[in-house]
Amino acid sequence: MGVVHHANYVVWFELARTRLCALSGFHYADIEKMGYLLMVTGVEARYRQPARYGDVVQVVCWGELAGSRGLRFHYAVRKGEELLATGASDHLWIDAATGRPCRIPTPLRAPFRRLAGLPPE
């Protein structure tokens, strides 16, 4: 069909989210080394226009706090000025040692509040 398969958009979302975490000052691997995980609990995508093979796209990602234990990331995929897709993913903070949900880790509160456009506490 000459268009990018729809599943690739979710991969692009993950790449943008990982880059956003790195911009917070904590690469996702650093977060895992601290003993925490950001478990994906949901993903949604809305396709507006197809990306075609060979297109160069830009994926923008921004965060939103969702309570004391969750995050929601939003995404916009563009080719130039053209909006191709939007999406979101929901995540829950997990203590890796116990596998249980936990509050946002103290060292990560300020950086992730900044990602959500909020002032530090």
N, C-alpha and C. Protein backbone atom coordinates (compact mmCIF):
# COMPACT_ATOMS: atom_id res chain seq x y z
N MET A 1 0.82 -1.21 0.00
CA MET A 1 0.00 0.00 0.00
C MET A 1 0.86 1.26 0.00
N GLY A 2 2.15 1.12 0.30
CA GLY A 2 3.03 2.28 0.26
C GLY A 2 2.96 3.18 1.47
N VAL A 3 2.23 2.75 2.48
CA VAL A 3 2.13 3.56 3.70
C VAL A 3 2.80 2.84 4.86
N VAL A 4 3.21 3.61 5.86
CA VAL A 4 3.84 3.05 7.05
C VAL A 4 2.78 2.28 7.84
N HIS A 5 3.11 1.08 8.26
CA HIS A 5 2.18 0.26 9.04
C HIS A 5 1.80 0.97 10.33
N HIS A 6 0.54 0.86 10.71
CA HIS A 6 0.03 1.60 11.87
C HIS A 6 0.76 1.28 13.17
N ALA A 7 1.29 0.08 13.32
CA ALA A 7 1.98 -0.30 14.55
C ALA A 7 3.27 0.50 14.75
N ASN A 8 3.85 0.98 13.67
CA ASN A 8 5.09 1.76 13.78
C ASN A 8 4.88 3.06 14.56
N TYR A 9 3.68 3.60 14.53
CA TYR A 9 3.42 4.84 15.26
C TYR A 9 3.64 4.64 16.76
N VAL A 10 3.24 3.50 17.28
CA VAL A 10 3.43 3.22 18.70
C VAL A 10 4.93 3.12 19.01
N VAL A 11 5.70 2.56 18.10
CA VAL A 11 7.16 2.51 18.27
C VAL A 11 7.71 3.94 18.27
N TRP A 12 7.22 4.77 17.36
CA TRP A 12 7.67 6.16 17.33
C TRP A 12 7.31 6.87 18.63
N PHE A 13 6.13 6.58 19.18
CA PHE A 13 5.74 7.18 20.46
C PHE A 13 6.75 6.80 21.53
N GLU A 14 7.12 5.52 21.56
CA GLU A 14 8.07 5.06 22.59
C GLU A 14 9.42 5.75 22.44
N LEU A 15 9.89 5.89 21.22
CA LEU A 15 11.16 6.57 21.00
C LEU A 15 11.10 8.02 21.48
N ALA A 16 9.99 8.69 21.19
CA ALA A 16 9.84 10.09 21.61
C ALA A 16 9.75 10.18 23.14
N ARG A 17 9.04 9.24 23.75
CA ARG A 17 8.91 9.22 25.22
C ARG A 17 10.25 8.97 25.88
N THR A 18 11.03 8.06 25.33
CA THR A 18 12.35 7.77 25.87
C THR A 18 13.25 9.00 25.77
N ARG A 19 13.16 9.70 24.65
CA ARG A 19 13.95 10.93 24.47
C ARG A 19 13.50 11.99 25.47
N LEU A 20 12.20 12.11 25.70
CA LEU A 20 11.69 13.09 26.66
C LEU A 20 12.20 12.77 28.06
N CYS A 21 12.20 11.50 28.43
CA CYS A 21 12.75 11.12 29.75
C CYS A 21 14.21 11.55 29.84
N ALA A 22 14.97 11.33 28.78
CA ALA A 22 16.39 11.73 28.79
C ALA A 22 16.51 13.25 28.95
N LEU A 23 15.62 14.00 28.33
CA LEU A 23 15.66 15.46 28.46
C LEU A 23 15.34 15.91 29.89
N SER A 24 14.65 15.05 30.65
CA SER A 24 14.35 15.38 32.04
C SER A 24 15.60 15.28 32.90
N GLY A 25 16.65 14.66 32.33
CA GLY A 25 17.87 14.43 33.09
C GLY A 25 18.03 12.98 33.51
N PHE A 26 17.03 12.15 33.20
CA PHE A 26 17.06 10.74 33.57
C PHE A 26 16.71 9.90 32.35
N HIS A 27 17.72 9.25 31.77
CA HIS A 27 17.44 8.30 30.71
C HIS A 27 16.61 7.18 31.33
N TYR A 28 15.75 6.55 30.53
CA TYR A 28 14.90 5.51 31.11
C TYR A 28 15.72 4.40 31.76
N ALA A 29 16.87 4.07 31.20
CA ALA A 29 17.73 3.05 31.83
C ALA A 29 18.18 3.48 33.22
N ASP A 30 18.39 4.79 33.42
CA ASP A 30 18.75 5.30 34.75
C ASP A 30 17.61 5.10 35.73
N ILE A 31 16.40 5.31 35.25
CA ILE A 31 15.21 5.13 36.10
C ILE A 31 15.13 3.67 36.56
N GLU A 32 15.37 2.75 35.63
CA GLU A 32 15.35 1.32 36.00
C GLU A 32 16.46 0.98 36.98
N LYS A 33 17.64 1.58 36.81
CA LYS A 33 18.75 1.33 37.75
C LYS A 33 18.41 1.84 39.14
N MET A 34 17.55 2.86 39.22
CA MET A 34 17.12 3.38 40.52
C MET A 34 16.09 2.45 41.18
N GLY A 35 15.61 1.45 40.42
CA GLY A 35 14.66 0.49 40.98
C GLY A 35 13.20 0.79 40.66
N TYR A 36 12.95 1.55 39.59
CA TYR A 36 11.58 1.91 39.23
C TYR A 36 11.32 1.61 37.76
N LEU A 37 10.07 1.34 37.47
CA LEU A 37 9.62 1.09 36.11
C LEU A 37 8.44 2.01 35.82
N LEU A 38 8.25 2.34 34.56
CA LEU A 38 7.07 3.06 34.11
C LEU A 38 6.28 2.10 33.23
N MET A 39 5.35 1.38 33.83
CA MET A 39 4.59 0.36 33.12
C MET A 39 3.52 1.02 32.24
N VAL A 40 3.48 0.60 30.99
CA VAL A 40 2.45 1.08 30.08
C VAL A 40 1.14 0.39 30.45
N THR A 41 0.09 1.18 30.68
CA THR A 41 -1.22 0.62 30.99
C THR A 41 -2.24 0.87 29.89
N GLY A 42 -1.87 1.69 28.92
CA GLY A 42 -2.77 1.94 27.80
C GLY A 42 -2.11 2.79 26.74
N VAL A 43 -2.51 2.56 25.50
CA VAL A 43 -2.01 3.35 24.37
C VAL A 43 -3.18 3.63 23.45
N GLU A 44 -3.22 4.85 22.94
CA GLU A 44 -4.23 5.18 21.94
C GLU A 44 -3.57 5.96 20.81
N ALA A 45 -4.08 5.77 19.61
CA ALA A 45 -3.56 6.48 18.45
C ALA A 45 -4.72 6.88 17.57
N ARG A 46 -4.61 8.04 17.00
CA ARG A 46 -5.61 8.54 16.07
C ARG A 46 -4.87 8.91 14.79
N TYR A 47 -5.22 8.21 13.72
CA TYR A 47 -4.54 8.39 12.45
C TYR A 47 -5.33 9.36 11.59
N ARG A 48 -4.66 10.40 11.11
CA ARG A 48 -5.32 11.44 10.32
C ARG A 48 -4.94 11.35 8.84
N GLN A 49 -3.63 11.24 8.60
CA GLN A 49 -3.08 11.12 7.25
C GLN A 49 -1.97 10.07 7.32
N PRO A 50 -1.80 9.27 6.29
CA PRO A 50 -0.74 8.26 6.35
C PRO A 50 0.65 8.84 6.12
N ALA A 51 1.60 8.29 6.84
CA ALA A 51 3.01 8.51 6.49
C ALA A 51 3.32 7.49 5.41
N ARG A 52 4.09 7.89 4.46
CA ARG A 52 4.46 7.00 3.35
C ARG A 52 5.92 6.62 3.47
N TYR A 53 6.26 5.48 2.90
CA TYR A 53 7.65 5.03 2.94
C TYR A 53 8.55 6.12 2.39
N GLY A 54 9.62 6.40 3.13
CA GLY A 54 10.56 7.43 2.73
C GLY A 54 10.27 8.80 3.32
N ASP A 55 9.08 8.98 3.90
CA ASP A 55 8.77 10.27 4.55
C ASP A 55 9.65 10.47 5.77
N VAL A 56 10.00 11.69 6.03
CA VAL A 56 10.68 12.07 7.26
C VAL A 56 9.63 12.70 8.15
N VAL A 57 9.46 12.15 9.34
CA VAL A 57 8.45 12.65 10.26
C VAL A 57 9.10 13.14 11.54
N GLN A 58 8.38 13.99 12.24
CA GLN A 58 8.81 14.46 13.56
C GLN A 58 7.73 14.05 14.56
N VAL A 59 8.17 13.50 15.69
CA VAL A 59 7.24 13.11 16.75
C VAL A 59 7.54 13.98 17.96
N VAL A 60 6.52 14.72 18.38
CA VAL A 60 6.64 15.58 19.56
C VAL A 60 5.92 14.87 20.70
N CYS A 61 6.54 14.90 21.88
CA CYS A 61 5.97 14.24 23.06
C CYS A 61 5.98 15.21 24.22
N TRP A 62 4.92 15.19 25.03
CA TRP A 62 4.87 15.98 26.25
C TRP A 62 4.13 15.17 27.30
N GLY A 63 4.43 15.47 28.56
CA GLY A 63 3.89 14.69 29.66
C GLY A 63 2.81 15.41 30.44
N GLU A 64 2.05 14.63 31.18
CA GLU A 64 1.00 15.14 32.06
C GLU A 64 0.95 14.21 33.28
N LEU A 65 0.98 14.79 34.46
CA LEU A 65 0.85 13.95 35.66
C LEU A 65 -0.58 13.46 35.77
N ALA A 66 -0.73 12.21 36.16
CA ALA A 66 -2.05 11.61 36.32
C ALA A 66 -2.12 11.04 37.73
N GLY A 67 -2.38 11.89 38.69
CA GLY A 67 -2.40 11.45 40.07
C GLY A 67 -0.99 11.28 40.61
N SER A 68 -0.89 10.66 41.76
CA SER A 68 0.41 10.52 42.41
C SER A 68 1.21 9.33 41.89
N ARG A 69 0.56 8.46 41.13
CA ARG A 69 1.23 7.24 40.68
C ARG A 69 1.29 7.07 39.17
N GLY A 70 0.71 8.01 38.46
CA GLY A 70 0.63 7.81 37.02
C GLY A 70 1.11 8.98 36.20
N LEU A 71 1.37 8.68 34.94
CA LEU A 71 1.76 9.67 33.96
C LEU A 71 0.98 9.40 32.68
N ARG A 72 0.72 10.45 31.96
CA ARG A 72 0.13 10.32 30.63
C ARG A 72 1.01 11.13 29.69
N PHE A 73 1.44 10.49 28.62
CA PHE A 73 2.23 11.15 27.61
C PHE A 73 1.36 11.36 26.38
N HIS A 74 1.53 12.50 25.75
CA HIS A 74 0.79 12.83 24.53
C HIS A 74 1.78 12.93 23.38
N TYR A 75 1.29 12.65 22.16
CA TYR A 75 2.17 12.62 21.00
C TYR A 75 1.49 13.29 19.80
N ALA A 76 2.31 13.91 18.98
CA ALA A 76 1.86 14.44 17.69
C ALA A 76 2.91 14.05 16.66
N VAL A 77 2.47 13.42 15.59
CA VAL A 77 3.36 13.02 14.50
C VAL A 77 3.07 13.94 13.32
N ARG A 78 4.12 14.58 12.83
CA ARG A 78 3.98 15.54 11.72
C ARG A 78 4.97 15.24 10.61
N LYS A 79 4.54 15.55 9.41
CA LYS A 79 5.44 15.61 8.26
C LYS A 79 5.40 17.06 7.82
N GLY A 80 6.46 17.80 8.14
CA GLY A 80 6.42 19.24 7.92
C GLY A 80 5.35 19.85 8.80
N GLU A 81 4.45 20.60 8.22
CA GLU A 81 3.35 21.22 8.98
C GLU A 81 2.12 20.32 9.05
N GLU A 82 2.13 19.22 8.31
CA GLU A 82 0.96 18.34 8.22
C GLU A 82 0.89 17.39 9.42
N LEU A 83 -0.22 17.43 10.15
CA LEU A 83 -0.43 16.52 11.28
C LEU A 83 -0.88 15.17 10.75
N LEU A 84 -0.08 14.15 11.00
CA LEU A 84 -0.39 12.80 10.52
C LEU A 84 -1.14 11.97 11.56
N ALA A 85 -0.76 12.12 12.82
CA ALA A 85 -1.36 11.29 13.87
C ALA A 85 -1.17 11.95 15.22
N THR A 86 -2.06 11.62 16.14
CA THR A 86 -1.92 12.01 17.53
C THR A 86 -2.09 10.76 18.38
N GLY A 87 -1.63 10.84 19.60
CA GLY A 87 -1.78 9.68 20.46
C GLY A 87 -1.48 10.01 21.90
N ALA A 88 -1.64 9.01 22.74
CA ALA A 88 -1.36 9.15 24.17
C ALA A 88 -1.03 7.77 24.71
N SER A 89 -0.29 7.76 25.80
CA SER A 89 -0.03 6.51 26.51
C SER A 89 -0.09 6.79 28.00
N ASP A 90 -0.67 5.84 28.71
CA ASP A 90 -0.80 5.94 30.16
C ASP A 90 0.21 5.00 30.81
N HIS A 91 0.80 5.48 31.92
CA HIS A 91 1.86 4.74 32.59
C HIS A 91 1.65 4.79 34.10
N LEU A 92 2.12 3.75 34.75
CA LEU A 92 2.03 3.64 36.20
C LEU A 92 3.43 3.40 36.75
N TRP A 93 3.80 4.15 37.79
CA TRP A 93 5.09 3.93 38.46
C TRP A 93 5.04 2.61 39.20
N ILE A 94 6.08 1.80 39.02
CA ILE A 94 6.17 0.49 39.67
C ILE A 94 7.50 0.40 40.41
N ASP A 95 7.45 -0.08 41.65
CA ASP A 95 8.67 -0.40 42.40
C ASP A 95 9.15 -1.75 41.86
N ALA A 96 10.30 -1.76 41.20
CA ALA A 96 10.80 -2.97 40.54
C ALA A 96 11.02 -4.11 41.52
N ALA A 97 11.41 -3.81 42.75
CA ALA A 97 11.71 -4.86 43.73
C ALA A 97 10.45 -5.61 44.15
N THR A 98 9.33 -4.91 44.24
CA THR A 98 8.09 -5.54 44.70
C THR A 98 7.11 -5.82 43.57
N GLY A 99 7.29 -5.11 42.44
CA GLY A 99 6.32 -5.25 41.35
C GLY A 99 5.01 -4.54 41.63
N ARG A 100 4.99 -3.72 42.65
CA ARG A 100 3.76 -3.03 43.06
C ARG A 100 3.78 -1.56 42.63
N PRO A 101 2.61 -1.00 42.37
CA PRO A 101 2.55 0.44 42.07
C PRO A 101 3.08 1.26 43.24
N CYS A 102 3.67 2.39 42.92
CA CYS A 102 4.21 3.28 43.94
C CYS A 102 4.01 4.72 43.50
N ARG A 103 4.21 5.62 44.43
CA ARG A 103 4.16 7.05 44.09
C ARG A 103 5.39 7.41 43.25
N ILE A 104 5.30 8.51 42.55
CA ILE A 104 6.43 8.96 41.76
C ILE A 104 7.64 9.09 42.68
N PRO A 105 8.76 8.49 42.32
CA PRO A 105 9.94 8.52 43.18
C PRO A 105 10.40 9.96 43.46
N THR A 106 10.79 10.22 44.69
CA THR A 106 11.17 11.57 45.10
C THR A 106 12.18 12.23 44.17
N PRO A 107 13.28 11.55 43.77
CA PRO A 107 14.25 12.24 42.90
C PRO A 107 13.69 12.58 41.52
N LEU A 108 12.58 11.94 41.14
CA LEU A 108 12.02 12.15 39.81
C LEU A 108 10.84 13.12 39.80
N ARG A 109 10.38 13.52 40.99
CA ARG A 109 9.20 14.40 41.05
C ARG A 109 9.42 15.71 40.31
N ALA A 110 10.47 16.44 40.65
CA ALA A 110 10.69 17.75 40.02
C ALA A 110 10.92 17.62 38.51
N PRO A 111 11.77 16.69 38.05
CA PRO A 111 11.97 16.59 36.60
C PRO A 111 10.68 16.23 35.84
N PHE A 112 9.88 15.33 36.39
CA PHE A 112 8.67 14.94 35.67
C PHE A 112 7.57 15.99 35.82
N ARG A 113 7.58 16.76 36.87
CA ARG A 113 6.67 17.91 36.96
C ARG A 113 7.02 18.92 35.87
N ARG A 114 8.32 19.13 35.64
CA ARG A 114 8.75 20.05 34.56
C ARG A 114 8.25 19.54 33.21
N LEU A 115 8.38 18.22 32.97
CA LEU A 115 7.91 17.64 31.71
C LEU A 115 6.41 17.87 31.51
N ALA A 116 5.69 17.93 32.62
CA ALA A 116 4.24 18.16 32.56
C ALA A 116 3.91 19.66 32.55
N GLY A 117 4.94 20.50 32.52
CA GLY A 117 4.69 21.94 32.48
C GLY A 117 4.27 22.51 33.82
N LEU A 118 4.60 21.80 34.91
CA LEU A 118 4.23 22.25 36.26
C LEU A 118 5.45 22.77 36.99
N PRO A 119 5.25 23.70 37.92
CA PRO A 119 6.39 24.15 38.73
C PRO A 119 6.78 23.08 39.74
N PRO A 120 8.01 23.12 40.24
CA PRO A 120 8.40 22.17 41.29
C PRO A 120 7.52 22.35 42.51
N GLU A 121 7.37 21.30 43.28
CA GLU A 121 6.52 21.37 44.49
C GLU A 121 7.13 22.31 45.52
